Amino acid sequence: MQARFVDRVAIPSIIGSGVTIWGENLLPHVPFLPIRRLDVAKAFFSFFNLVFFTAIAYPLAPGATKYAMEALKRSIHNCYFCYHCRPAQLSEEAAFFQRRIGPNVALAQLMKLRAAYQPSLGFVLRCFATLVRLHLATALDNHFPLDPRAVRTAGGNGG
């Protein structure tokens, strides 16, 4: 039942960066389901609700900004994986989306907050629009279903 609420991007994006230390490379034998547009919507719903809760609980939750940072970071990872079918450093992924969706204050602020954290309700509120833009661009730019093992170019696999 729980699998119905998990998007199909999360598992391949985590496992895809795995490295075999000893023995046989088993990653090619791990089955991955195709990534659907529905999975992008599921991820959006999950991250948007986390940021929504963070914004409401901001006065009561001392780490609220960190929760929003984590939601935006996971969103960037998921959306980037839909374009490239591989994980990358957060700085590379954020730079990709700064070019893809245009300059974005929340993406730039995320990188600054990771270097020098400070609570910011403004950042939490800016995350809403950024999540919408990231997931909408991902859903529109890519052709679904996606094969999580495919390697694509920097421009994505769609229009």
N, C-alpha and C. Protein backbone atom coordinates (compact mmCIF):
# COMPACT_ATOMS: atom_id res chain seq x y z
N MET A 1 0.82 -1.20 0.00
CA MET A 1 0.00 0.00 0.00
C MET A 1 0.87 1.27 0.00
N GLN A 2 1.95 1.21 0.77
CA GLN A 2 2.82 2.37 0.86
C GLN A 2 3.47 2.70 -0.49
N ALA A 3 3.72 1.71 -1.31
CA ALA A 3 4.36 1.92 -2.62
C ALA A 3 3.54 2.82 -3.52
N ARG A 4 2.25 2.86 -3.32
CA ARG A 4 1.40 3.72 -4.15
C ARG A 4 1.70 5.20 -3.95
N PHE A 5 2.28 5.55 -2.80
CA PHE A 5 2.53 6.95 -2.49
C PHE A 5 3.97 7.36 -2.75
N VAL A 6 4.82 6.42 -3.10
CA VAL A 6 6.23 6.72 -3.36
C VAL A 6 6.43 6.87 -4.86
N ASP A 7 7.15 7.92 -5.24
CA ASP A 7 7.40 8.12 -6.66
C ASP A 7 8.52 7.19 -7.11
N ARG A 8 8.54 6.87 -8.39
CA ARG A 8 9.51 5.92 -8.96
C ARG A 8 10.86 6.55 -9.24
N VAL A 9 11.02 7.83 -8.96
CA VAL A 9 12.30 8.49 -9.21
C VAL A 9 13.25 8.27 -8.04
N ALA A 10 12.71 8.18 -6.85
CA ALA A 10 13.55 8.13 -5.64
C ALA A 10 14.52 6.95 -5.64
N ILE A 11 14.04 5.75 -5.89
CA ILE A 11 14.89 4.57 -5.78
C ILE A 11 16.01 4.56 -6.83
N PRO A 12 15.70 4.74 -8.13
CA PRO A 12 16.82 4.72 -9.09
C PRO A 12 17.83 5.85 -8.88
N SER A 13 17.37 7.01 -8.41
CA SER A 13 18.30 8.11 -8.19
C SER A 13 19.24 7.83 -7.03
N ILE A 14 18.80 7.03 -6.07
CA ILE A 14 19.66 6.67 -4.94
C ILE A 14 20.55 5.49 -5.32
N ILE A 15 19.96 4.45 -5.84
CA ILE A 15 20.71 3.23 -6.16
C ILE A 15 21.63 3.45 -7.36
N GLY A 16 21.24 4.30 -8.28
CA GLY A 16 22.03 4.53 -9.49
C GLY A 16 23.43 5.04 -9.22
N SER A 17 23.62 5.68 -8.07
CA SER A 17 24.96 6.19 -7.75
C SER A 17 25.77 5.17 -6.95
N GLY A 18 25.22 3.99 -6.73
CA GLY A 18 25.91 2.96 -5.96
C GLY A 18 27.14 2.44 -6.66
N VAL A 19 28.11 2.03 -5.87
CA VAL A 19 29.36 1.48 -6.38
C VAL A 19 29.61 0.17 -5.66
N THR A 20 30.01 -0.83 -6.42
CA THR A 20 30.36 -2.11 -5.81
C THR A 20 31.80 -2.03 -5.32
N ILE A 21 31.99 -2.26 -4.04
CA ILE A 21 33.33 -2.22 -3.45
C ILE A 21 34.04 -3.55 -3.67
N TRP A 22 33.32 -4.64 -3.50
CA TRP A 22 33.94 -5.96 -3.56
C TRP A 22 33.03 -6.89 -4.32
N GLY A 23 33.53 -7.55 -5.31
CA GLY A 23 32.73 -8.55 -5.98
C GLY A 23 32.10 -8.08 -7.26
N GLU A 24 31.03 -8.74 -7.61
CA GLU A 24 30.35 -8.55 -8.88
C GLU A 24 29.48 -7.29 -8.86
N ASN A 25 29.44 -6.59 -9.98
CA ASN A 25 28.59 -5.41 -10.12
C ASN A 25 27.15 -5.89 -10.31
N LEU A 26 26.31 -5.69 -9.31
CA LEU A 26 24.94 -6.17 -9.35
C LEU A 26 23.93 -5.11 -9.79
N LEU A 27 24.35 -3.86 -9.91
CA LEU A 27 23.42 -2.80 -10.28
C LEU A 27 22.67 -3.05 -11.59
N PRO A 28 23.33 -3.60 -12.63
CA PRO A 28 22.58 -3.85 -13.86
C PRO A 28 21.44 -4.85 -13.70
N HIS A 29 21.47 -5.62 -12.63
CA HIS A 29 20.43 -6.64 -12.41
C HIS A 29 19.27 -6.15 -11.54
N VAL A 30 19.37 -4.92 -11.02
CA VAL A 30 18.30 -4.35 -10.20
C VAL A 30 17.21 -3.83 -11.13
N PRO A 31 15.98 -4.35 -11.00
CA PRO A 31 14.90 -3.89 -11.88
C PRO A 31 14.38 -2.51 -11.46
N PHE A 32 14.19 -1.64 -12.43
CA PHE A 32 13.61 -0.33 -12.19
C PHE A 32 12.37 -0.18 -13.04
N LEU A 33 11.31 0.31 -12.44
CA LEU A 33 10.10 0.60 -13.19
C LEU A 33 10.29 1.90 -13.96
N PRO A 34 9.62 2.06 -15.10
CA PRO A 34 9.72 3.32 -15.84
C PRO A 34 9.18 4.48 -14.99
N ILE A 35 9.78 5.63 -15.15
CA ILE A 35 9.33 6.83 -14.44
C ILE A 35 8.23 7.48 -15.26
N ARG A 36 7.13 7.76 -14.59
CA ARG A 36 5.96 8.34 -15.26
C ARG A 36 5.78 9.80 -14.84
N ARG A 37 4.98 10.51 -15.61
CA ARG A 37 4.62 11.88 -15.26
C ARG A 37 3.92 11.89 -13.89
N LEU A 38 3.17 10.83 -13.60
CA LEU A 38 2.52 10.69 -12.31
C LEU A 38 3.54 10.69 -11.17
N ASP A 39 4.71 10.12 -11.41
CA ASP A 39 5.74 10.11 -10.38
C ASP A 39 6.28 11.51 -10.10
N VAL A 40 6.36 12.34 -11.12
CA VAL A 40 6.76 13.73 -10.93
C VAL A 40 5.70 14.44 -10.09
N ALA A 41 4.42 14.15 -10.35
CA ALA A 41 3.33 14.75 -9.57
C ALA A 41 3.35 14.25 -8.12
N LYS A 42 3.61 12.97 -7.92
CA LYS A 42 3.68 12.43 -6.56
C LYS A 42 4.80 13.11 -5.77
N ALA A 43 5.96 13.25 -6.41
CA ALA A 43 7.09 13.90 -5.74
C ALA A 43 6.73 15.35 -5.41
N PHE A 44 6.11 16.05 -6.36
CA PHE A 44 5.70 17.43 -6.11
C PHE A 44 4.76 17.50 -4.91
N PHE A 45 3.77 16.64 -4.88
CA PHE A 45 2.80 16.63 -3.79
C PHE A 45 3.50 16.41 -2.45
N SER A 46 4.42 15.49 -2.41
CA SER A 46 5.14 15.18 -1.18
C SER A 46 5.98 16.37 -0.71
N PHE A 47 6.78 16.94 -1.62
CA PHE A 47 7.67 18.04 -1.24
C PHE A 47 6.89 19.32 -0.94
N PHE A 48 5.85 19.58 -1.71
CA PHE A 48 5.04 20.77 -1.49
C PHE A 48 4.38 20.71 -0.11
N ASN A 49 3.85 19.54 0.25
CA ASN A 49 3.21 19.39 1.55
C ASN A 49 4.20 19.53 2.70
N LEU A 50 5.42 19.05 2.50
CA LEU A 50 6.45 19.21 3.53
C LEU A 50 6.76 20.70 3.73
N VAL A 51 6.90 21.43 2.65
CA VAL A 51 7.17 22.87 2.77
C VAL A 51 5.95 23.59 3.35
N PHE A 52 4.75 23.16 2.98
CA PHE A 52 3.53 23.77 3.52
C PHE A 52 3.49 23.59 5.04
N PHE A 53 3.74 22.38 5.50
CA PHE A 53 3.77 22.12 6.93
C PHE A 53 4.87 22.95 7.60
N THR A 54 6.01 23.04 6.97
CA THR A 54 7.13 23.82 7.50
C THR A 54 6.74 25.28 7.65
N ALA A 55 6.06 25.83 6.66
CA ALA A 55 5.66 27.23 6.72
C ALA A 55 4.65 27.47 7.85
N ILE A 56 3.72 26.55 8.01
CA ILE A 56 2.71 26.70 9.07
C ILE A 56 3.35 26.55 10.45
N ALA A 57 4.25 25.60 10.58
CA ALA A 57 4.86 25.32 11.88
C ALA A 57 6.12 26.15 12.13
N TYR A 58 6.44 27.06 11.23
CA TYR A 58 7.69 27.81 11.32
C TYR A 58 7.94 28.41 12.70
N PRO A 59 6.95 29.08 13.30
CA PRO A 59 7.23 29.69 14.61
C PRO A 59 7.51 28.66 15.72
N LEU A 60 7.04 27.44 15.53
CA LEU A 60 7.17 26.42 16.57
C LEU A 60 8.31 25.44 16.33
N ALA A 61 8.80 25.37 15.10
CA ALA A 61 9.83 24.39 14.75
C ALA A 61 11.18 25.10 14.56
N PRO A 62 12.12 24.87 15.47
CA PRO A 62 13.40 25.57 15.37
C PRO A 62 14.19 25.24 14.09
N GLY A 63 14.01 24.06 13.53
CA GLY A 63 14.74 23.68 12.32
C GLY A 63 13.90 23.78 11.07
N ALA A 64 12.87 24.60 11.07
CA ALA A 64 11.93 24.67 9.95
C ALA A 64 12.63 24.99 8.63
N THR A 65 13.57 25.90 8.64
CA THR A 65 14.28 26.25 7.41
C THR A 65 15.03 25.04 6.87
N LYS A 66 15.59 24.24 7.76
CA LYS A 66 16.31 23.03 7.32
C LYS A 66 15.37 22.03 6.67
N TYR A 67 14.13 21.93 7.15
CA TYR A 67 13.16 21.03 6.53
C TYR A 67 12.84 21.49 5.11
N ALA A 68 12.66 22.79 4.94
CA ALA A 68 12.39 23.33 3.60
C ALA A 68 13.61 23.15 2.70
N MET A 69 14.80 23.32 3.25
CA MET A 69 16.02 23.11 2.47
C MET A 69 16.08 21.67 1.98
N GLU A 70 15.77 20.73 2.86
CA GLU A 70 15.80 19.31 2.49
C GLU A 70 14.76 19.00 1.42
N ALA A 71 13.56 19.56 1.55
CA ALA A 71 12.51 19.33 0.56
C ALA A 71 12.94 19.86 -0.81
N LEU A 72 13.51 21.07 -0.84
CA LEU A 72 13.94 21.64 -2.11
C LEU A 72 15.11 20.84 -2.69
N LYS A 73 16.02 20.42 -1.84
CA LYS A 73 17.16 19.62 -2.30
C LYS A 73 16.70 18.31 -2.92
N ARG A 74 15.81 17.59 -2.25
CA ARG A 74 15.30 16.31 -2.78
C ARG A 74 14.52 16.56 -4.08
N SER A 75 13.80 17.65 -4.15
CA SER A 75 13.07 17.99 -5.36
C SER A 75 14.02 18.23 -6.53
N ILE A 76 15.10 18.95 -6.27
CA ILE A 76 16.10 19.20 -7.31
C ILE A 76 16.71 17.87 -7.77
N HIS A 77 17.06 17.01 -6.82
CA HIS A 77 17.63 15.70 -7.17
C HIS A 77 16.66 14.90 -8.04
N ASN A 78 15.40 14.84 -7.63
CA ASN A 78 14.41 14.06 -8.40
C ASN A 78 14.21 14.62 -9.80
N CYS A 79 14.04 15.92 -9.90
CA CYS A 79 13.80 16.53 -11.20
C CYS A 79 15.02 16.39 -12.11
N TYR A 80 16.20 16.60 -11.56
CA TYR A 80 17.43 16.45 -12.36
C TYR A 80 17.55 15.03 -12.89
N PHE A 81 17.19 14.05 -12.06
CA PHE A 81 17.27 12.66 -12.49
C PHE A 81 16.35 12.40 -13.69
N CYS A 82 15.22 13.07 -13.73
CA CYS A 82 14.31 12.90 -14.88
C CYS A 82 14.92 13.42 -16.18
N TYR A 83 15.77 14.40 -16.09
CA TYR A 83 16.44 14.93 -17.29
C TYR A 83 17.64 14.08 -17.71
N HIS A 84 18.41 13.59 -16.74
CA HIS A 84 19.70 12.97 -17.04
C HIS A 84 19.82 11.49 -16.69
N CYS A 85 18.90 10.96 -15.90
CA CYS A 85 18.94 9.57 -15.43
C CYS A 85 20.25 9.25 -14.73
N ARG A 86 20.76 10.21 -14.01
CA ARG A 86 21.95 10.02 -13.17
C ARG A 86 21.94 11.12 -12.11
N PRO A 87 22.49 10.81 -10.95
CA PRO A 87 22.61 11.85 -9.93
C PRO A 87 23.85 12.70 -10.18
N ALA A 88 23.89 13.86 -9.55
CA ALA A 88 25.05 14.75 -9.64
C ALA A 88 25.17 15.51 -8.32
N GLN A 89 26.22 16.29 -8.21
CA GLN A 89 26.37 17.14 -7.04
C GLN A 89 25.24 18.18 -7.05
N LEU A 90 24.77 18.56 -5.87
CA LEU A 90 23.68 19.52 -5.78
C LEU A 90 24.03 20.83 -6.49
N SER A 91 25.26 21.27 -6.40
CA SER A 91 25.65 22.52 -7.06
C SER A 91 25.49 22.41 -8.58
N GLU A 92 25.84 21.26 -9.14
CA GLU A 92 25.67 21.04 -10.59
C GLU A 92 24.18 21.01 -10.95
N GLU A 93 23.39 20.34 -10.14
CA GLU A 93 21.95 20.25 -10.41
C GLU A 93 21.29 21.61 -10.30
N ALA A 94 21.63 22.38 -9.27
CA ALA A 94 21.05 23.71 -9.09
C ALA A 94 21.44 24.63 -10.25
N ALA A 95 22.69 24.55 -10.69
CA ALA A 95 23.14 25.36 -11.83
C ALA A 95 22.37 24.98 -13.09
N PHE A 96 22.13 23.69 -13.28
CA PHE A 96 21.34 23.23 -14.44
C PHE A 96 19.96 23.87 -14.42
N PHE A 97 19.31 23.88 -13.27
CA PHE A 97 17.96 24.45 -13.21
C PHE A 97 17.97 25.97 -13.24
N GLN A 98 19.05 26.60 -12.79
CA GLN A 98 19.15 28.06 -12.95
C GLN A 98 19.14 28.41 -14.44
N ARG A 99 19.75 27.56 -15.26
CA ARG A 99 19.74 27.78 -16.71
C ARG A 99 18.40 27.34 -17.31
N ARG A 100 17.87 26.23 -16.84
CA ARG A 100 16.68 25.63 -17.45
C ARG A 100 15.41 26.42 -17.18
N ILE A 101 15.20 26.82 -15.90
CA ILE A 101 13.96 27.53 -15.56
C ILE A 101 14.18 29.02 -15.37
N GLY A 102 15.43 29.45 -15.50
CA GLY A 102 15.75 30.86 -15.34
C GLY A 102 16.26 31.13 -13.93
N PRO A 103 16.85 32.31 -13.75
CA PRO A 103 17.39 32.66 -12.43
C PRO A 103 16.34 32.49 -11.34
N ASN A 104 16.74 31.90 -10.23
CA ASN A 104 15.80 31.60 -9.17
C ASN A 104 16.45 31.90 -7.82
N VAL A 105 15.82 32.78 -7.07
CA VAL A 105 16.36 33.22 -5.78
C VAL A 105 16.43 32.07 -4.79
N ALA A 106 15.41 31.22 -4.75
CA ALA A 106 15.39 30.11 -3.78
C ALA A 106 16.52 29.12 -4.05
N LEU A 107 16.81 28.83 -5.33
CA LEU A 107 17.91 27.92 -5.64
C LEU A 107 19.25 28.51 -5.20
N ALA A 108 19.44 29.79 -5.48
CA ALA A 108 20.68 30.46 -5.07
C ALA A 108 20.78 30.52 -3.55
N GLN A 109 19.67 30.82 -2.90
CA GLN A 109 19.68 30.91 -1.45
C GLN A 109 19.91 29.55 -0.80
N LEU A 110 19.40 28.48 -1.41
CA LEU A 110 19.65 27.13 -0.89
C LEU A 110 21.15 26.87 -0.81
N MET A 111 21.86 27.21 -1.87
CA MET A 111 23.30 26.97 -1.88
C MET A 111 24.01 27.83 -0.82
N LYS A 112 23.56 29.06 -0.62
CA LYS A 112 24.16 29.92 0.40
C LYS A 112 23.86 29.40 1.81
N LEU A 113 22.62 28.95 2.02
CA LEU A 113 22.24 28.44 3.34
C LEU A 113 22.99 27.16 3.70
N ARG A 114 23.33 26.37 2.68
CA ARG A 114 24.10 25.15 2.95
C ARG A 114 25.51 25.51 3.44
N ALA A 115 26.03 26.62 2.97
CA ALA A 115 27.38 27.05 3.37
C ALA A 115 27.35 27.79 4.71
N ALA A 116 26.32 28.60 4.92
CA ALA A 116 26.20 29.40 6.14
C ALA A 116 24.72 29.43 6.55
N TYR A 117 24.31 28.45 7.33
CA TYR A 117 22.90 28.31 7.70
C TYR A 117 22.43 29.45 8.60
N GLN A 118 21.24 29.90 8.32
CA GLN A 118 20.52 30.81 9.21
C GLN A 118 19.03 30.64 8.93
N PRO A 119 18.20 30.68 9.95
CA PRO A 119 16.76 30.53 9.74
C PRO A 119 16.24 31.62 8.81
N SER A 120 15.29 31.25 7.94
CA SER A 120 14.76 32.22 6.98
C SER A 120 13.34 31.84 6.56
N LEU A 121 12.38 32.57 7.07
CA LEU A 121 11.00 32.35 6.65
C LEU A 121 10.84 32.72 5.17
N GLY A 122 11.56 33.73 4.73
CA GLY A 122 11.51 34.13 3.32
C GLY A 122 11.91 32.99 2.40
N PHE A 123 12.95 32.26 2.77
CA PHE A 123 13.38 31.11 1.97
C PHE A 123 12.28 30.06 1.92
N VAL A 124 11.70 29.75 3.07
CA VAL A 124 10.63 28.75 3.13
C VAL A 124 9.50 29.15 2.19
N LEU A 125 9.11 30.40 2.19
CA LEU A 125 8.00 30.86 1.34
C LEU A 125 8.39 30.85 -0.14
N ARG A 126 9.64 31.17 -0.46
CA ARG A 126 10.09 31.14 -1.85
C ARG A 126 10.13 29.71 -2.40
N CYS A 127 10.26 28.74 -1.53
CA CYS A 127 10.31 27.33 -1.97
C CYS A 127 9.03 26.92 -2.69
N PHE A 128 7.88 27.49 -2.32
CA PHE A 128 6.61 27.10 -2.95
C PHE A 128 6.66 27.30 -4.47
N ALA A 129 6.99 28.51 -4.89
CA ALA A 129 7.02 28.81 -6.32
C ALA A 129 8.11 28.02 -7.03
N THR A 130 9.24 27.81 -6.36
CA THR A 130 10.33 27.06 -6.97
C THR A 130 9.95 25.61 -7.17
N LEU A 131 9.28 25.00 -6.21
CA LEU A 131 8.82 23.62 -6.37
C LEU A 131 7.86 23.50 -7.55
N VAL A 132 6.95 24.45 -7.68
CA VAL A 132 6.01 24.44 -8.80
C VAL A 132 6.77 24.53 -10.12
N ARG A 133 7.71 25.46 -10.22
CA ARG A 133 8.47 25.65 -11.46
C ARG A 133 9.32 24.43 -11.81
N LEU A 134 9.99 23.85 -10.81
CA LEU A 134 10.83 22.68 -11.06
C LEU A 134 10.02 21.51 -11.59
N HIS A 135 8.94 21.20 -10.91
CA HIS A 135 8.16 20.02 -11.28
C HIS A 135 7.35 20.24 -12.55
N LEU A 136 6.87 21.45 -12.76
CA LEU A 136 6.14 21.73 -14.00
C LEU A 136 7.08 21.64 -15.20
N ALA A 137 8.27 22.23 -15.09
CA ALA A 137 9.24 22.14 -16.18
C ALA A 137 9.62 20.69 -16.44
N THR A 138 9.84 19.94 -15.39
CA THR A 138 10.22 18.53 -15.54
C THR A 138 9.12 17.74 -16.22
N ALA A 139 7.89 17.96 -15.81
CA ALA A 139 6.75 17.23 -16.40
C ALA A 139 6.54 17.60 -17.86
N LEU A 140 6.79 18.86 -18.23
CA LEU A 140 6.55 19.30 -19.60
C LEU A 140 7.73 19.05 -20.54
N ASP A 141 8.94 19.12 -20.03
CA ASP A 141 10.13 19.00 -20.87
C ASP A 141 10.47 17.57 -21.27
N ASN A 142 10.07 16.61 -20.48
CA ASN A 142 10.48 15.23 -20.70
C ASN A 142 9.34 14.39 -21.26
N HIS A 143 9.72 13.40 -22.06
CA HIS A 143 8.75 12.45 -22.59
C HIS A 143 8.68 11.27 -21.63
N PHE A 144 7.48 10.93 -21.22
CA PHE A 144 7.28 9.84 -20.28
C PHE A 144 6.56 8.70 -20.97
N PRO A 145 6.76 7.47 -20.53
CA PRO A 145 7.59 7.02 -19.41
C PRO A 145 9.08 7.08 -19.76
N LEU A 146 9.89 7.32 -18.72
CA LEU A 146 11.35 7.38 -18.86
C LEU A 146 11.96 6.07 -18.40
N ASP A 147 12.96 5.64 -19.12
CA ASP A 147 13.74 4.50 -18.69
C ASP A 147 14.82 5.02 -17.75
N PRO A 148 14.79 4.65 -16.46
CA PRO A 148 15.76 5.21 -15.51
C PRO A 148 17.21 4.84 -15.81
N ARG A 149 17.44 3.90 -16.70
CA ARG A 149 18.81 3.51 -17.03
C ARG A 149 19.35 4.26 -18.25
N ALA A 150 18.50 4.99 -18.94
CA ALA A 150 18.92 5.70 -20.15
C ALA A 150 19.80 6.89 -19.76
N VAL A 151 20.72 7.23 -20.61
CA VAL A 151 21.57 8.39 -20.40
C VAL A 151 21.16 9.43 -21.42
N ARG A 152 20.88 10.62 -20.94
CA ARG A 152 20.41 11.68 -21.83
C ARG A 152 21.39 12.83 -21.86
N THR A 153 21.15 13.74 -22.77
CA THR A 153 22.01 14.91 -22.91
C THR A 153 21.62 15.96 -21.90
N ALA A 154 22.40 17.02 -21.81
CA ALA A 154 22.17 18.08 -20.82
C ALA A 154 20.83 18.78 -21.00
N GLY A 155 20.26 18.75 -22.18
CA GLY A 155 18.99 19.44 -22.41
C GLY A 155 17.78 18.62 -22.05
N GLY A 156 17.95 17.44 -21.53
CA GLY A 156 16.80 16.59 -21.22
C GLY A 156 16.48 15.71 -22.40
N ASN A 157 15.36 15.06 -22.33
CA ASN A 157 14.98 14.17 -23.43
C ASN A 157 13.72 14.65 -24.12
N GLY A 158 13.38 15.87 -23.87
CA GLY A 158 12.13 16.34 -24.45
C GLY A 158 12.28 17.72 -25.04
N GLY A 159 11.11 18.31 -25.34
CA GLY A 159 11.00 19.56 -26.04
C GLY A 159 11.52 20.70 -25.36
